[in-house]
Amino acid sequence: MLYINLHKLGKVIRSRKNRTNIDRAMMLAAFAHPAMALPQVIQVYQTRDVGGLSLFTWLSFSIFGLLFLAYGFVHRLWPYILMQCIWITINVSIVTGIVLYGIK
């Protein structure tokens, strides 16, 4: 069974001289991955149409995102923390849109 010491990994990533290409790629992915959901946020607020969006699903994403964020802080995984902060912001934006525009 593969065991990864996340605390040690976090120390390696924090040290600039020890960063590898995969570390740099993860920093890029921390921005790019959540950015893929921006068209959904834009669509919700431009069209005010939330048909087909589930409040339960997006609220669940937000709640679990908080758990993942706490995990990132505990293990000091900064790309992970950054990504989760962006995801939580996006998820809460969509939840807010569903609540605002879903009530008829």
C-alpha atoms as a PDB file:
ATOM      1  CA  MET A   1       0.000   0.000   0.000  1.00  0.00           C
ATOM      2  CA  LEU A   2       1.316   3.406  -0.984  1.00  0.00           C
ATOM      3  CA  TYR A   3       1.668   5.825   1.914  1.00  0.00           C
ATOM      4  CA  ILE A   4       2.292   9.497   1.312  1.00  0.00           C
ATOM      5  CA  ASN A   5       3.403  11.671   4.205  1.00  0.00           C
ATOM      6  CA  LEU A   6       1.337  14.773   3.408  1.00  0.00           C
ATOM      7  CA  HIS A   7       3.009  16.883   6.082  1.00  0.00           C
ATOM      8  CA  LYS A   8       6.434  16.181   4.573  1.00  0.00           C
ATOM      9  CA  LEU A   9       5.048  16.809   1.093  1.00  0.00           C
ATOM     10  CA  GLY A  10       3.698  20.160   2.267  1.00  0.00           C
ATOM     11  CA  LYS A  11       7.154  21.164   3.525  1.00  0.00           C
ATOM     12  CA  VAL A  12       8.736  20.242   0.200  1.00  0.00           C
ATOM     13  CA  ILE A  13       6.188  22.257  -1.779  1.00  0.00           C
ATOM     14  CA  ARG A  14       6.614  25.314   0.460  1.00  0.00           C
ATOM     15  CA  SER A  15      10.352  25.356  -0.200  1.00  0.00           C
ATOM     16  CA  ARG A  16      10.827  27.166  -3.533  1.00  0.00           C
ATOM     17  CA  LYS A  17      14.104  25.423  -4.315  1.00  0.00           C
ATOM     18  CA  ASN A  18      12.452  21.990  -4.003  1.00  0.00           C
ATOM     19  CA  ARG A  19       9.476  22.721  -6.281  1.00  0.00           C
ATOM     20  CA  THR A  20       9.134  20.436  -9.245  1.00  0.00           C
ATOM     21  CA  ASN A  21       7.225  20.826 -12.472  1.00  0.00           C
ATOM     22  CA  ILE A  22       4.290  18.901 -10.973  1.00  0.00           C
ATOM     23  CA  ASP A  23       4.205  21.388  -8.073  1.00  0.00           C
ATOM     24  CA  ARG A  24       4.045  24.255 -10.560  1.00  0.00           C
ATOM     25  CA  ALA A  25       1.367  22.426 -12.551  1.00  0.00           C
ATOM     26  CA  MET A  26      -0.699  21.994  -9.380  1.00  0.00           C
ATOM     27  CA  MET A  27      -0.545  25.737  -8.719  1.00  0.00           C
ATOM     28  CA  LEU A  28      -1.837  26.342 -12.247  1.00  0.00           C
ATOM     29  CA  ALA A  29      -4.522  23.671 -11.782  1.00  0.00           C
ATOM     30  CA  ALA A  30      -5.594  25.311  -8.514  1.00  0.00           C
ATOM     31  CA  PHE A  31      -6.813  28.247 -10.626  1.00  0.00           C
ATOM     32  CA  ALA A  32      -7.762  26.464 -13.848  1.00  0.00           C
ATOM     33  CA  HIS A  33      -9.884  23.671 -12.357  1.00  0.00           C
ATOM     34  CA  PRO A  34     -12.411  25.891 -10.565  1.00  0.00           C
ATOM     35  CA  ALA A  35     -12.370  28.357 -13.474  1.00  0.00           C
ATOM     36  CA  MET A  36     -14.145  25.681 -15.519  1.00  0.00           C
ATOM     37  CA  ALA A  37     -17.280  26.348 -13.436  1.00  0.00           C
ATOM     38  CA  LEU A  38     -17.319  30.101 -14.115  1.00  0.00           C
ATOM     39  CA  PRO A  39     -19.550  29.739 -17.203  1.00  0.00           C
ATOM     40  CA  GLN A  40     -22.175  28.153 -14.929  1.00  0.00           C
ATOM     41  CA  VAL A  41     -22.010  31.087 -12.515  1.00  0.00           C
ATOM     42  CA  ILE A  42     -22.231  33.580 -15.379  1.00  0.00           C
ATOM     43  CA  GLN A  43     -25.193  31.746 -16.894  1.00  0.00           C
ATOM     44  CA  VAL A  44     -27.078  31.714 -13.589  1.00  0.00           C
ATOM     45  CA  TYR A  45     -26.730  35.456 -13.082  1.00  0.00           C
ATOM     46  CA  GLN A  46     -27.189  36.524 -16.711  1.00  0.00           C
ATOM     47  CA  THR A  47     -30.247  34.409 -17.482  1.00  0.00           C
ATOM     48  CA  ARG A  48     -31.617  34.090 -13.936  1.00  0.00           C
ATOM     49  CA  ASP A  49     -32.561  30.583 -15.008  1.00  0.00           C
ATOM     50  CA  VAL A  50     -31.696  27.954 -12.420  1.00  0.00           C
ATOM     51  CA  GLY A  51     -33.820  25.207 -13.918  1.00  0.00           C
ATOM     52  CA  GLY A  52     -31.920  21.945 -13.819  1.00  0.00           C
ATOM     53  CA  LEU A  53     -29.671  23.061 -10.963  1.00  0.00           C
ATOM     54  CA  SER A  54     -30.056  21.251  -7.683  1.00  0.00           C
ATOM     55  CA  LEU A  55     -29.808  23.298  -4.498  1.00  0.00           C
ATOM     56  CA  PHE A  56     -28.961  20.127  -2.567  1.00  0.00           C
ATOM     57  CA  THR A  57     -26.068  19.286  -4.910  1.00  0.00           C
ATOM     58  CA  TRP A  58     -24.456  22.722  -4.903  1.00  0.00           C
ATOM     59  CA  LEU A  59     -24.989  23.150  -1.165  1.00  0.00           C
ATOM     60  CA  SER A  60     -23.373  19.749  -0.618  1.00  0.00           C
ATOM     61  CA  PHE A  61     -20.397  20.812  -2.754  1.00  0.00           C
ATOM     62  CA  SER A  62     -20.040  23.878  -0.516  1.00  0.00           C
ATOM     63  CA  ILE A  63     -20.244  21.925   2.731  1.00  0.00           C
ATOM     64  CA  PHE A  64     -17.817  19.216   1.641  1.00  0.00           C
ATOM     65  CA  GLY A  65     -15.544  21.943   0.291  1.00  0.00           C
ATOM     66  CA  LEU A  66     -15.223  23.276   3.847  1.00  0.00           C
ATOM     67  CA  LEU A  67     -14.116  19.834   5.010  1.00  0.00           C
ATOM     68  CA  PHE A  68     -11.546  19.609   2.194  1.00  0.00           C
ATOM     69  CA  LEU A  69     -10.370  23.124   3.032  1.00  0.00           C
ATOM     70  CA  ALA A  70      -9.823  22.159   6.672  1.00  0.00           C
ATOM     71  CA  TYR A  71      -7.856  19.118   5.496  1.00  0.00           C
ATOM     72  CA  GLY A  72      -5.670  21.351   3.350  1.00  0.00           C
ATOM     73  CA  PHE A  73      -4.968  23.653   6.297  1.00  0.00           C
ATOM     74  CA  VAL A  74      -4.139  20.766   8.615  1.00  0.00           C
ATOM     75  CA  HIS A  75      -1.599  19.401   6.119  1.00  0.00           C
ATOM     76  CA  ARG A  76      -0.518  22.818   4.814  1.00  0.00           C
ATOM     77  CA  LEU A  77      -1.223  21.945   1.195  1.00  0.00           C
ATOM     78  CA  TRP A  78      -1.315  25.461  -0.244  1.00  0.00           C
ATOM     79  CA  PRO A  79      -2.360  24.635  -3.820  1.00  0.00           C
ATOM     80  CA  TYR A  80      -5.177  22.553  -2.351  1.00  0.00           C
ATOM     81  CA  ILE A  81      -6.192  25.364   0.020  1.00  0.00           C
ATOM     82  CA  LEU A  82      -6.231  27.875  -2.820  1.00  0.00           C
ATOM     83  CA  MET A  83      -8.295  25.587  -5.027  1.00  0.00           C
ATOM     84  CA  GLN A  84     -10.834  24.886  -2.285  1.00  0.00           C
ATOM     85  CA  CYS A  85     -11.224  28.600  -1.475  1.00  0.00           C
ATOM     86  CA  ILE A  86     -12.014  29.304  -5.118  1.00  0.00           C
ATOM     87  CA  TRP A  87     -14.393  26.312  -5.330  1.00  0.00           C
ATOM     88  CA  ILE A  88     -16.244  27.349  -2.183  1.00  0.00           C
ATOM     89  CA  THR A  89     -16.667  30.860  -3.590  1.00  0.00           C
ATOM     90  CA  ILE A  90     -18.057  29.467  -6.847  1.00  0.00           C
ATOM     91  CA  ASN A  91     -20.324  26.985  -5.089  1.00  0.00           C
ATOM     92  CA  VAL A  92     -21.729  29.616  -2.736  1.00  0.00           C
ATOM     93  CA  SER A  93     -22.306  31.933  -5.722  1.00  0.00           C
ATOM     94  CA  ILE A  94     -24.361  29.256  -7.439  1.00  0.00           C
ATOM     95  CA  VAL A  95     -26.254  28.401  -4.235  1.00  0.00           C
ATOM     96  CA  THR A  96     -27.065  32.089  -3.828  1.00  0.00           C
ATOM     97  CA  GLY A  97     -28.284  32.265  -7.423  1.00  0.00           C
ATOM     98  CA  ILE A  98     -30.470  29.193  -6.946  1.00  0.00           C
ATOM     99  CA  VAL A  99     -32.008  30.692  -3.807  1.00  0.00           C
ATOM    100  CA  LEU A 100     -32.527  34.129  -5.408  1.00  0.00           C
ATOM    101  CA  TYR A 101     -33.877  32.999  -8.765  1.00  0.00           C
ATOM    102  CA  GLY A 102     -35.373  29.631  -7.901  1.00  0.00           C
ATOM    103  CA  ILE A 103     -38.173  31.005  -5.741  1.00  0.00           C
ATOM    104  CA  LYS A 104     -41.179  31.753  -7.944  1.00  0.00           C
END
